[in-house]
Amino acid sequence: MTRPVNPLVYSLAFVSGFIIMAIELLGGRILAPYFGNSIYVWGSIISVFMISLAVGYLFGGKLSVRDPGLMRYGCFFLLAAITLVPTMIYGNMVMDAVFLHIEDPRYGSLVASSLLFFLPVAILGMIAPYSVRLLVENTRHSGQVAGRLYFVSTLGSALGTLMTSFYLVLWFEVNQILFTMALVLSIAGLSSMLYGKLTD
């Protein structure tokens, strides 16, 4: 059997999916003034995000077997929020330095993307496998739970893509959007930790 459906875990997985894709789209806006908006830049951004998520999935899966709980789960969201802060504060400084030292926009955008986004996206990637472990009690149902969870997370990613590209970038500055995302991640993390304390 599986544990009773935990709306909190599904909701937070949705939030993480939304924010991952929103950050990826914002990455193009952040890098464009320095490296342009070519296929090289988008290839760099997508590659960095895919590698970051792969690393996050790997470590999230490893951590999920060690006494999984909502307290640690909440820490992932808080850490992701904290690691977004340098992108807002030092983003331009990082890109200035990279732009001055790497002339080729292919490798310049790759290095800049790695410095700005690797860590927060890797931490966000840890959420998906950890979410599965929080929801699964019997391994016979793990596939069903994982499918449901990735369905919810991918819906979040789709909505994050549409909302960011259609509306958010038109209404707000990039740093305002990033700050809001960091705030949402912080609230999500604290909610998970509070719920974990209440249900212990």
N, C-alpha and C. Protein backbone atom coordinates (compact mmCIF):
# COMPACT_ATOMS: atom_id res chain seq x y z
N MET A 1 0.83 -1.21 0.00
CA MET A 1 0.00 0.00 0.00
C MET A 1 0.86 1.25 0.00
N THR A 2 0.29 2.36 -0.45
CA THR A 2 0.95 3.64 -0.35
C THR A 2 0.40 4.40 0.84
N ARG A 3 1.15 5.35 1.30
CA ARG A 3 0.66 6.20 2.37
C ARG A 3 -0.52 7.02 1.85
N PRO A 4 -1.36 7.50 2.74
CA PRO A 4 -2.43 8.40 2.30
C PRO A 4 -1.84 9.57 1.50
N VAL A 5 -2.51 9.94 0.44
CA VAL A 5 -2.00 11.01 -0.42
C VAL A 5 -1.72 12.25 0.42
N ASN A 6 -0.54 12.74 0.30
CA ASN A 6 -0.16 13.93 1.06
C ASN A 6 -0.23 15.14 0.13
N PRO A 7 -1.27 15.94 0.25
CA PRO A 7 -1.43 17.10 -0.65
C PRO A 7 -0.24 18.05 -0.59
N LEU A 8 0.39 18.14 0.58
CA LEU A 8 1.52 19.06 0.73
C LEU A 8 2.66 18.67 -0.19
N VAL A 9 3.01 17.38 -0.21
CA VAL A 9 4.13 16.92 -1.04
C VAL A 9 3.83 17.16 -2.52
N TYR A 10 2.63 16.84 -2.94
CA TYR A 10 2.26 17.07 -4.34
C TYR A 10 2.27 18.56 -4.68
N SER A 11 1.78 19.36 -3.75
CA SER A 11 1.76 20.81 -3.99
C SER A 11 3.18 21.37 -4.11
N LEU A 12 4.06 20.91 -3.24
CA LEU A 12 5.44 21.41 -3.27
C LEU A 12 6.19 20.90 -4.50
N ALA A 13 5.87 19.69 -4.94
CA ALA A 13 6.47 19.19 -6.19
C ALA A 13 6.01 20.03 -7.37
N PHE A 14 4.75 20.43 -7.35
CA PHE A 14 4.22 21.33 -8.39
C PHE A 14 4.98 22.66 -8.38
N VAL A 15 5.18 23.20 -7.20
CA VAL A 15 5.89 24.48 -7.06
C VAL A 15 7.32 24.36 -7.58
N SER A 16 8.00 23.27 -7.23
CA SER A 16 9.38 23.12 -7.69
C SER A 16 9.45 23.00 -9.21
N GLY A 17 8.49 22.27 -9.81
CA GLY A 17 8.46 22.17 -11.27
C GLY A 17 8.24 23.52 -11.93
N PHE A 18 7.33 24.30 -11.36
CA PHE A 18 7.04 25.65 -11.87
C PHE A 18 8.30 26.50 -11.84
N ILE A 19 8.98 26.50 -10.72
CA ILE A 19 10.13 27.40 -10.54
C ILE A 19 11.33 26.98 -11.38
N ILE A 20 11.54 25.68 -11.54
CA ILE A 20 12.66 25.22 -12.37
C ILE A 20 12.54 25.78 -13.78
N MET A 21 11.36 25.66 -14.38
CA MET A 21 11.21 26.13 -15.75
C MET A 21 11.20 27.65 -15.83
N ALA A 22 10.67 28.29 -14.80
CA ALA A 22 10.68 29.76 -14.79
C ALA A 22 12.12 30.28 -14.76
N ILE A 23 12.96 29.67 -13.93
CA ILE A 23 14.36 30.09 -13.85
C ILE A 23 15.07 29.83 -15.18
N GLU A 24 14.77 28.71 -15.80
CA GLU A 24 15.41 28.40 -17.09
C GLU A 24 15.07 29.46 -18.14
N LEU A 25 13.82 29.86 -18.20
CA LEU A 25 13.44 30.90 -19.16
C LEU A 25 14.06 32.24 -18.82
N LEU A 26 14.11 32.55 -17.54
CA LEU A 26 14.75 33.80 -17.12
C LEU A 26 16.24 33.79 -17.43
N GLY A 27 16.84 32.60 -17.43
CA GLY A 27 18.26 32.50 -17.77
C GLY A 27 18.56 33.10 -19.13
N GLY A 28 17.66 32.87 -20.07
CA GLY A 28 17.86 33.47 -21.39
C GLY A 28 17.84 34.98 -21.35
N ARG A 29 16.93 35.54 -20.55
CA ARG A 29 16.85 37.00 -20.42
C ARG A 29 18.08 37.56 -19.72
N ILE A 30 18.58 36.81 -18.72
CA ILE A 30 19.74 37.28 -17.96
C ILE A 30 21.00 37.28 -18.81
N LEU A 31 21.19 36.26 -19.62
CA LEU A 31 22.41 36.14 -20.41
C LEU A 31 22.38 36.95 -21.70
N ALA A 32 21.18 37.28 -22.19
CA ALA A 32 21.05 37.92 -23.50
C ALA A 32 21.86 39.21 -23.66
N PRO A 33 21.89 40.13 -22.68
CA PRO A 33 22.64 41.37 -22.89
C PRO A 33 24.15 41.15 -23.08
N TYR A 34 24.65 40.03 -22.61
CA TYR A 34 26.08 39.76 -22.71
C TYR A 34 26.42 38.82 -23.86
N PHE A 35 25.61 37.79 -24.05
CA PHE A 35 25.97 36.74 -25.00
C PHE A 35 24.97 36.57 -26.13
N GLY A 36 23.94 37.41 -26.14
CA GLY A 36 22.95 37.31 -27.20
C GLY A 36 21.88 36.29 -26.87
N ASN A 37 21.05 36.02 -27.86
CA ASN A 37 19.92 35.12 -27.66
C ASN A 37 19.92 34.01 -28.70
N SER A 38 21.13 33.58 -29.08
CA SER A 38 21.28 32.61 -30.15
C SER A 38 21.04 31.19 -29.66
N ILE A 39 21.08 30.27 -30.59
CA ILE A 39 20.91 28.86 -30.23
C ILE A 39 22.06 28.37 -29.36
N TYR A 40 23.24 29.01 -29.48
CA TYR A 40 24.37 28.64 -28.61
C TYR A 40 24.04 28.92 -27.15
N VAL A 41 23.46 30.08 -26.91
CA VAL A 41 23.13 30.46 -25.54
C VAL A 41 22.07 29.53 -24.96
N TRP A 42 21.03 29.26 -25.73
CA TRP A 42 19.98 28.37 -25.25
C TRP A 42 20.49 26.95 -25.10
N GLY A 43 21.39 26.55 -25.99
CA GLY A 43 22.00 25.22 -25.84
C GLY A 43 22.78 25.12 -24.54
N SER A 44 23.49 26.18 -24.19
CA SER A 44 24.25 26.21 -22.93
C SER A 44 23.32 26.15 -21.73
N ILE A 45 22.27 26.97 -21.75
CA ILE A 45 21.33 27.02 -20.63
C ILE A 45 20.65 25.66 -20.43
N ILE A 46 20.14 25.10 -21.51
CA ILE A 46 19.44 23.82 -21.41
C ILE A 46 20.38 22.72 -20.93
N SER A 47 21.61 22.72 -21.43
CA SER A 47 22.58 21.70 -21.01
C SER A 47 22.91 21.81 -19.53
N VAL A 48 23.14 23.03 -19.07
CA VAL A 48 23.44 23.24 -17.65
C VAL A 48 22.27 22.80 -16.78
N PHE A 49 21.06 23.12 -17.19
CA PHE A 49 19.90 22.73 -16.40
C PHE A 49 19.72 21.22 -16.39
N MET A 50 19.94 20.57 -17.51
CA MET A 50 19.79 19.12 -17.56
C MET A 50 20.83 18.42 -16.69
N ILE A 51 22.08 18.90 -16.75
CA ILE A 51 23.14 18.32 -15.92
C ILE A 51 22.86 18.58 -14.45
N SER A 52 22.43 19.80 -14.13
CA SER A 52 22.12 20.15 -12.74
C SER A 52 21.01 19.26 -12.19
N LEU A 53 19.96 19.09 -12.98
CA LEU A 53 18.85 18.25 -12.54
C LEU A 53 19.30 16.80 -12.38
N ALA A 54 20.14 16.32 -13.30
CA ALA A 54 20.64 14.95 -13.20
C ALA A 54 21.39 14.74 -11.90
N VAL A 55 22.25 15.70 -11.56
CA VAL A 55 23.01 15.63 -10.29
C VAL A 55 22.05 15.68 -9.11
N GLY A 56 21.05 16.57 -9.18
CA GLY A 56 20.08 16.68 -8.11
C GLY A 56 19.28 15.40 -7.93
N TYR A 57 18.85 14.79 -9.04
CA TYR A 57 18.11 13.52 -8.95
C TYR A 57 18.96 12.46 -8.26
N LEU A 58 20.25 12.40 -8.63
CA LEU A 58 21.13 11.39 -8.06
C LEU A 58 21.28 11.57 -6.55
N PHE A 59 21.59 12.78 -6.11
CA PHE A 59 21.81 13.01 -4.69
C PHE A 59 20.50 12.99 -3.90
N GLY A 60 19.42 13.47 -4.52
CA GLY A 60 18.12 13.40 -3.85
C GLY A 60 17.70 11.96 -3.61
N GLY A 61 17.97 11.10 -4.60
CA GLY A 61 17.65 9.69 -4.43
C GLY A 61 18.47 9.05 -3.32
N LYS A 62 19.76 9.42 -3.24
CA LYS A 62 20.61 8.86 -2.19
C LYS A 62 20.17 9.32 -0.81
N LEU A 63 19.83 10.60 -0.69
CA LEU A 63 19.40 11.13 0.61
C LEU A 63 18.04 10.57 1.04
N SER A 64 17.23 10.18 0.07
CA SER A 64 15.88 9.73 0.39
C SER A 64 15.85 8.41 1.15
N VAL A 65 16.94 7.65 1.11
CA VAL A 65 16.95 6.35 1.81
C VAL A 65 17.43 6.49 3.25
N ARG A 66 17.84 7.67 3.65
CA ARG A 66 18.37 7.89 4.99
C ARG A 66 17.35 8.63 5.85
N ASP A 67 16.45 7.88 6.46
CA ASP A 67 15.46 8.44 7.36
C ASP A 67 14.75 9.65 6.75
N PRO A 68 14.00 9.46 5.66
CA PRO A 68 13.36 10.59 4.98
C PRO A 68 12.30 11.26 5.85
N GLY A 69 12.20 12.55 5.73
CA GLY A 69 11.21 13.28 6.51
C GLY A 69 10.96 14.65 5.94
N LEU A 70 9.88 15.26 6.40
CA LEU A 70 9.49 16.58 5.88
C LEU A 70 10.43 17.69 6.32
N MET A 71 11.14 17.49 7.43
CA MET A 71 12.08 18.52 7.88
C MET A 71 13.21 18.68 6.86
N ARG A 72 13.83 17.57 6.48
CA ARG A 72 14.90 17.64 5.48
C ARG A 72 14.35 18.08 4.13
N TYR A 73 13.16 17.60 3.80
CA TYR A 73 12.51 18.00 2.56
C TYR A 73 12.37 19.52 2.49
N GLY A 74 11.93 20.12 3.59
CA GLY A 74 11.82 21.57 3.63
C GLY A 74 13.15 22.27 3.46
N CYS A 75 14.22 21.65 3.95
CA CYS A 75 15.55 22.24 3.82
C CYS A 75 15.96 22.40 2.36
N PHE A 76 15.53 21.47 1.51
CA PHE A 76 15.86 21.59 0.09
C PHE A 76 15.31 22.90 -0.49
N PHE A 77 14.07 23.22 -0.13
CA PHE A 77 13.45 24.45 -0.63
C PHE A 77 14.15 25.69 -0.09
N LEU A 78 14.50 25.65 1.19
CA LEU A 78 15.19 26.79 1.78
C LEU A 78 16.57 26.98 1.15
N LEU A 79 17.29 25.89 0.94
CA LEU A 79 18.62 25.98 0.32
C LEU A 79 18.52 26.50 -1.11
N ALA A 80 17.51 26.04 -1.84
CA ALA A 80 17.31 26.54 -3.20
C ALA A 80 17.05 28.03 -3.20
N ALA A 81 16.26 28.50 -2.25
CA ALA A 81 15.97 29.93 -2.14
C ALA A 81 17.25 30.71 -1.84
N ILE A 82 18.05 30.21 -0.90
CA ILE A 82 19.29 30.89 -0.51
C ILE A 82 20.26 30.97 -1.68
N THR A 83 20.36 29.88 -2.44
CA THR A 83 21.33 29.86 -3.55
C THR A 83 20.86 30.65 -4.76
N LEU A 84 19.61 31.09 -4.76
CA LEU A 84 19.14 32.01 -5.81
C LEU A 84 19.58 33.44 -5.54
N VAL A 85 19.84 33.75 -4.29
CA VAL A 85 20.18 35.13 -3.91
C VAL A 85 21.43 35.64 -4.64
N PRO A 86 22.54 34.88 -4.71
CA PRO A 86 23.71 35.39 -5.43
C PRO A 86 23.44 35.71 -6.90
N THR A 87 22.51 34.99 -7.52
CA THR A 87 22.16 35.29 -8.91
C THR A 87 21.58 36.70 -9.02
N MET A 88 20.78 37.08 -8.04
CA MET A 88 20.18 38.41 -8.06
C MET A 88 21.20 39.50 -7.74
N ILE A 89 22.08 39.23 -6.77
CA ILE A 89 23.00 40.26 -6.29
C ILE A 89 24.25 40.36 -7.16
N TYR A 90 24.81 39.20 -7.53
CA TYR A 90 26.11 39.20 -8.21
C TYR A 90 26.03 38.76 -9.67
N GLY A 91 24.81 38.59 -10.19
CA GLY A 91 24.66 38.10 -11.56
C GLY A 91 25.41 38.93 -12.59
N ASN A 92 25.25 40.24 -12.53
CA ASN A 92 25.92 41.11 -13.50
C ASN A 92 27.43 41.08 -13.34
N MET A 93 27.91 41.02 -12.10
CA MET A 93 29.35 40.95 -11.86
C MET A 93 29.94 39.67 -12.44
N VAL A 94 29.23 38.56 -12.24
CA VAL A 94 29.69 37.28 -12.77
C VAL A 94 29.75 37.33 -14.29
N MET A 95 28.72 37.85 -14.91
CA MET A 95 28.70 37.88 -16.37
C MET A 95 29.70 38.87 -16.94
N ASP A 96 29.94 39.98 -16.24
CA ASP A 96 30.99 40.91 -16.65
C ASP A 96 32.35 40.20 -16.70
N ALA A 97 32.65 39.46 -15.62
CA ALA A 97 33.94 38.77 -15.53
C ALA A 97 34.06 37.70 -16.60
N VAL A 98 33.01 36.92 -16.80
CA VAL A 98 33.05 35.87 -17.82
C VAL A 98 33.18 36.48 -19.21
N PHE A 99 32.41 37.54 -19.46
CA PHE A 99 32.42 38.17 -20.77
C PHE A 99 33.79 38.73 -21.12
N LEU A 100 34.50 39.25 -20.12
CA LEU A 100 35.83 39.81 -20.35
C LEU A 100 36.88 38.74 -20.63
N HIS A 101 36.70 37.57 -20.07
CA HIS A 101 37.72 36.53 -20.18
C HIS A 101 37.43 35.47 -21.24
N ILE A 102 36.18 35.33 -21.64
CA ILE A 102 35.82 34.32 -22.65
C ILE A 102 35.07 35.01 -23.77
N GLU A 103 35.72 35.14 -24.91
CA GLU A 103 35.13 35.87 -26.03
C GLU A 103 34.07 35.06 -26.77
N ASP A 104 34.29 33.76 -26.86
CA ASP A 104 33.36 32.91 -27.60
C ASP A 104 32.03 32.82 -26.84
N PRO A 105 30.92 33.27 -27.45
CA PRO A 105 29.63 33.26 -26.74
C PRO A 105 29.16 31.85 -26.37
N ARG A 106 29.63 30.84 -27.11
CA ARG A 106 29.23 29.47 -26.77
C ARG A 106 29.75 29.10 -25.39
N TYR A 107 31.06 29.28 -25.20
CA TYR A 107 31.66 28.85 -23.93
C TYR A 107 31.43 29.89 -22.83
N GLY A 108 31.33 31.15 -23.22
CA GLY A 108 31.02 32.17 -22.23
C GLY A 108 29.66 31.96 -21.60
N SER A 109 28.66 31.67 -22.43
CA SER A 109 27.31 31.43 -21.90
C SER A 109 27.26 30.14 -21.10
N LEU A 110 28.06 29.16 -21.51
CA LEU A 110 28.09 27.90 -20.77
C LEU A 110 28.66 28.08 -19.37
N VAL A 111 29.76 28.83 -19.28
CA VAL A 111 30.39 29.09 -17.98
C VAL A 111 29.48 29.95 -17.12
N ALA A 112 28.92 31.01 -17.70
CA ALA A 112 28.04 31.90 -16.94
C ALA A 112 26.81 31.16 -16.42
N SER A 113 26.22 30.33 -17.27
CA SER A 113 25.05 29.55 -16.86
C SER A 113 25.39 28.62 -15.70
N SER A 114 26.56 28.00 -15.79
CA SER A 114 26.98 27.07 -14.74
C SER A 114 27.17 27.80 -13.42
N LEU A 115 27.82 28.95 -13.45
CA LEU A 115 28.08 29.70 -12.22
C LEU A 115 26.80 30.22 -11.58
N LEU A 116 25.85 30.63 -12.41
CA LEU A 116 24.64 31.25 -11.88
C LEU A 116 23.56 30.25 -11.47
N PHE A 117 23.45 29.15 -12.22
CA PHE A 117 22.27 28.31 -12.05
C PHE A 117 22.53 26.88 -11.59
N PHE A 118 23.77 26.41 -11.67
CA PHE A 118 23.99 24.99 -11.38
C PHE A 118 23.53 24.61 -9.97
N LEU A 119 23.95 25.35 -8.98
CA LEU A 119 23.68 24.97 -7.59
C LEU A 119 22.19 25.03 -7.24
N PRO A 120 21.48 26.15 -7.50
CA PRO A 120 20.06 26.16 -7.14
C PRO A 120 19.24 25.12 -7.89
N VAL A 121 19.56 24.89 -9.17
CA VAL A 121 18.78 23.92 -9.95
C VAL A 121 19.09 22.49 -9.49
N ALA A 122 20.34 22.22 -9.14
CA ALA A 122 20.68 20.89 -8.62
C ALA A 122 19.92 20.61 -7.33
N ILE A 123 19.81 21.61 -6.47
CA ILE A 123 19.06 21.44 -5.22
C ILE A 123 17.58 21.23 -5.52
N LEU A 124 17.04 21.98 -6.45
CA LEU A 124 15.64 21.78 -6.84
C LEU A 124 15.43 20.39 -7.44
N GLY A 125 16.45 19.87 -8.13
CA GLY A 125 16.35 18.53 -8.69
C GLY A 125 16.27 17.44 -7.63
N MET A 126 16.77 17.72 -6.43
CA MET A 126 16.72 16.74 -5.35
C MET A 126 15.30 16.52 -4.84
N ILE A 127 14.42 17.45 -5.12
CA ILE A 127 13.07 17.41 -4.58
C ILE A 127 12.26 16.24 -5.15
N ALA A 128 12.37 15.99 -6.46
CA ALA A 128 11.51 14.98 -7.10
C ALA A 128 11.72 13.58 -6.53
N PRO A 129 12.96 13.04 -6.51
CA PRO A 129 13.11 11.69 -5.96
C PRO A 129 12.80 11.61 -4.47
N TYR A 130 13.09 12.68 -3.76
CA TYR A 130 12.79 12.70 -2.33
C TYR A 130 11.28 12.70 -2.11
N SER A 131 10.55 13.39 -2.98
CA SER A 131 9.09 13.42 -2.88
C SER A 131 8.52 12.02 -3.06
N VAL A 132 9.05 11.28 -4.02
CA VAL A 132 8.58 9.92 -4.25
C VAL A 132 8.76 9.09 -2.98
N ARG A 133 9.93 9.20 -2.37
CA ARG A 133 10.21 8.41 -1.17
C ARG A 133 9.27 8.77 -0.03
N LEU A 134 8.90 10.04 0.09
CA LEU A 134 7.98 10.44 1.15
C LEU A 134 6.59 9.86 0.95
N LEU A 135 6.24 9.60 -0.29
CA LEU A 135 4.89 9.13 -0.60
C LEU A 135 4.78 7.61 -0.67
N VAL A 136 5.90 6.92 -0.91
CA VAL A 136 5.86 5.47 -1.13
C VAL A 136 6.12 4.73 0.17
N GLU A 137 5.23 3.79 0.47
CA GLU A 137 5.43 2.92 1.62
C GLU A 137 5.72 1.50 1.18
N ASN A 138 5.09 1.09 0.09
CA ASN A 138 5.28 -0.25 -0.45
C ASN A 138 5.85 -0.13 -1.85
N THR A 139 6.97 -0.81 -2.10
CA THR A 139 7.66 -0.67 -3.39
C THR A 139 6.80 -1.14 -4.57
N ARG A 140 5.80 -1.98 -4.31
CA ARG A 140 4.95 -2.44 -5.41
C ARG A 140 4.16 -1.29 -6.03
N HIS A 141 3.98 -0.23 -5.27
CA HIS A 141 3.22 0.92 -5.76
C HIS A 141 4.12 2.11 -6.12
N SER A 142 5.42 1.91 -6.09
CA SER A 142 6.34 3.03 -6.32
C SER A 142 6.21 3.62 -7.72
N GLY A 143 5.99 2.75 -8.71
CA GLY A 143 5.85 3.25 -10.07
C GLY A 143 4.63 4.13 -10.23
N GLN A 144 3.51 3.71 -9.63
CA GLN A 144 2.28 4.50 -9.70
C GLN A 144 2.45 5.85 -9.01
N VAL A 145 3.08 5.83 -7.84
CA VAL A 145 3.31 7.08 -7.11
C VAL A 145 4.24 8.00 -7.89
N ALA A 146 5.33 7.42 -8.42
CA ALA A 146 6.28 8.23 -9.18
C ALA A 146 5.62 8.84 -10.40
N GLY A 147 4.80 8.05 -11.10
CA GLY A 147 4.10 8.57 -12.27
C GLY A 147 3.18 9.72 -11.93
N ARG A 148 2.44 9.58 -10.83
CA ARG A 148 1.53 10.64 -10.39
C ARG A 148 2.31 11.89 -10.01
N LEU A 149 3.42 11.68 -9.31
CA LEU A 149 4.20 12.82 -8.85
C LEU A 149 4.84 13.57 -10.02
N TYR A 150 5.41 12.82 -10.97
CA TYR A 150 6.03 13.48 -12.13
C TYR A 150 4.98 14.14 -13.01
N PHE A 151 3.77 13.59 -13.02
CA PHE A 151 2.66 14.24 -13.73
C PHE A 151 2.39 15.62 -13.13
N VAL A 152 2.29 15.67 -11.80
CA VAL A 152 2.03 16.94 -11.12
C VAL A 152 3.19 17.91 -11.31
N SER A 153 4.41 17.41 -11.16
CA SER A 153 5.59 18.26 -11.30
C SER A 153 5.72 18.82 -12.72
N THR A 154 5.42 17.98 -13.71
CA THR A 154 5.53 18.42 -15.10
C THR A 154 4.43 19.42 -15.44
N LEU A 155 3.25 19.26 -14.86
CA LEU A 155 2.22 20.28 -15.03
C LEU A 155 2.69 21.62 -14.47
N GLY A 156 3.37 21.56 -13.32
CA GLY A 156 3.94 22.77 -12.76
C GLY A 156 4.96 23.40 -13.70
N SER A 157 5.79 22.56 -14.32
CA SER A 157 6.78 23.06 -15.26
C SER A 157 6.12 23.72 -16.47
N ALA A 158 5.04 23.10 -16.97
CA ALA A 158 4.34 23.67 -18.12
C ALA A 158 3.73 25.02 -17.76
N LEU A 159 3.11 25.09 -16.58
CA LEU A 159 2.52 26.36 -16.16
C LEU A 159 3.59 27.41 -15.92
N GLY A 160 4.72 26.99 -15.33
CA GLY A 160 5.82 27.93 -15.12
C GLY A 160 6.36 28.48 -16.43
N THR A 161 6.43 27.62 -17.44
CA THR A 161 6.89 28.06 -18.76
C THR A 161 5.94 29.09 -19.36
N LEU A 162 4.65 28.79 -19.32
CA LEU A 162 3.67 29.69 -19.92
C LEU A 162 3.55 31.00 -19.15
N MET A 163 3.46 30.90 -17.83
CA MET A 163 3.30 32.11 -17.02
C MET A 163 4.50 33.04 -17.16
N THR A 164 5.71 32.45 -17.16
CA THR A 164 6.91 33.28 -17.24
C THR A 164 7.06 33.91 -18.61
N SER A 165 6.87 33.11 -19.66
CA SER A 165 7.09 33.63 -21.01
C SER A 165 5.96 34.53 -21.49
N PHE A 166 4.73 34.27 -21.07
CA PHE A 166 3.58 35.04 -21.54
C PHE A 166 3.31 36.28 -20.70
N TYR A 167 3.58 36.21 -19.40
CA TYR A 167 3.12 37.27 -18.51
C TYR A 167 4.21 37.87 -17.61
N LEU A 168 4.89 37.02 -16.84
CA LEU A 168 5.78 37.54 -15.79
C LEU A 168 6.87 38.45 -16.34
N VAL A 169 7.49 38.05 -17.46
CA VAL A 169 8.58 38.88 -18.01
C VAL A 169 8.06 40.20 -18.59
N LEU A 170 6.76 40.25 -18.85
CA LEU A 170 6.17 41.50 -19.34
C LEU A 170 5.78 42.43 -18.20
N TRP A 171 5.46 41.84 -17.06
CA TRP A 171 4.96 42.63 -15.94
C TRP A 171 6.04 43.06 -14.96
N PHE A 172 7.10 42.26 -14.83
CA PHE A 172 8.08 42.48 -13.77
C PHE A 172 9.51 42.43 -14.30
N GLU A 173 10.43 43.03 -13.53
CA GLU A 173 11.86 42.89 -13.82
C GLU A 173 12.31 41.49 -13.43
N VAL A 174 13.42 41.05 -14.04
CA VAL A 174 13.92 39.70 -13.78
C VAL A 174 14.20 39.49 -12.30
N ASN A 175 14.87 40.45 -11.67
CA ASN A 175 15.21 40.28 -10.25
C ASN A 175 13.97 40.26 -9.36
N GLN A 176 12.92 40.95 -9.76
CA GLN A 176 11.68 40.90 -9.00
C GLN A 176 11.07 39.50 -9.05
N ILE A 177 11.14 38.90 -10.23
CA ILE A 177 10.61 37.54 -10.38
C ILE A 177 11.45 36.55 -9.58
N LEU A 178 12.77 36.69 -9.65
CA LEU A 178 13.65 35.80 -8.89
C LEU A 178 13.44 35.95 -7.39
N PHE A 179 13.29 37.19 -6.95
CA PHE A 179 13.05 37.42 -5.52
C PHE A 179 11.75 36.76 -5.08
N THR A 180 10.70 36.89 -5.89
CA THR A 180 9.42 36.26 -5.57
C THR A 180 9.56 34.75 -5.51
N MET A 181 10.32 34.19 -6.44
CA MET A 181 10.53 32.74 -6.44
C MET A 181 11.29 32.29 -5.20
N ALA A 182 12.29 33.06 -4.81
CA ALA A 182 13.02 32.73 -3.59
C ALA A 182 12.10 32.80 -2.38
N LEU A 183 11.21 33.78 -2.37
CA LEU A 183 10.25 33.92 -1.27
C LEU A 183 9.29 32.74 -1.24
N VAL A 184 8.79 32.35 -2.41
CA VAL A 184 7.87 31.20 -2.49
C VAL A 184 8.56 29.92 -2.04
N LEU A 185 9.82 29.74 -2.46
CA LEU A 185 10.58 28.56 -2.03
C LEU A 185 10.77 28.56 -0.51
N SER A 186 11.02 29.72 0.05
CA SER A 186 11.19 29.82 1.50
C SER A 186 9.90 29.46 2.23
N ILE A 187 8.80 29.97 1.74
CA ILE A 187 7.50 29.65 2.35
C ILE A 187 7.21 28.16 2.23
N ALA A 188 7.51 27.60 1.05
CA ALA A 188 7.30 26.17 0.84
C ALA A 188 8.14 25.34 1.80
N GLY A 189 9.40 25.73 1.96
CA GLY A 189 10.27 25.00 2.86
C GLY A 189 9.82 25.08 4.30
N LEU A 190 9.44 26.26 4.75
CA LEU A 190 8.97 26.44 6.12
C LEU A 190 7.67 25.70 6.35
N SER A 191 6.80 25.66 5.34
CA SER A 191 5.53 24.93 5.46
C SER A 191 5.79 23.44 5.65
N SER A 192 6.74 22.92 4.88
CA SER A 192 7.08 21.50 5.00
C SER A 192 7.65 21.19 6.38
N MET A 193 8.54 22.05 6.87
CA MET A 193 9.15 21.83 8.17
C MET A 193 8.12 21.94 9.29
N LEU A 194 7.21 22.90 9.19
CA LEU A 194 6.17 23.06 10.20
C LEU A 194 5.24 21.86 10.21
N TYR A 195 4.85 21.42 9.02
CA TYR A 195 3.97 20.25 8.93
C TYR A 195 4.67 19.01 9.47
N GLY A 196 5.97 18.92 9.19
CA GLY A 196 6.73 17.80 9.72
C GLY A 196 6.76 17.78 11.23
N LYS A 197 6.91 18.96 11.83
CA LYS A 197 6.91 19.04 13.29
C LYS A 197 5.56 18.67 13.88
N LEU A 198 4.50 19.14 13.22
CA LEU A 198 3.15 18.88 13.72
C LEU A 198 2.76 17.41 13.62
N THR A 199 3.32 16.70 12.65
CA THR A 199 2.92 15.30 12.43
C THR A 199 3.89 14.30 13.03
N ASP A 200 4.99 14.78 13.62
CA ASP A 200 5.95 13.86 14.26
C ASP A 200 5.33 13.21 15.50
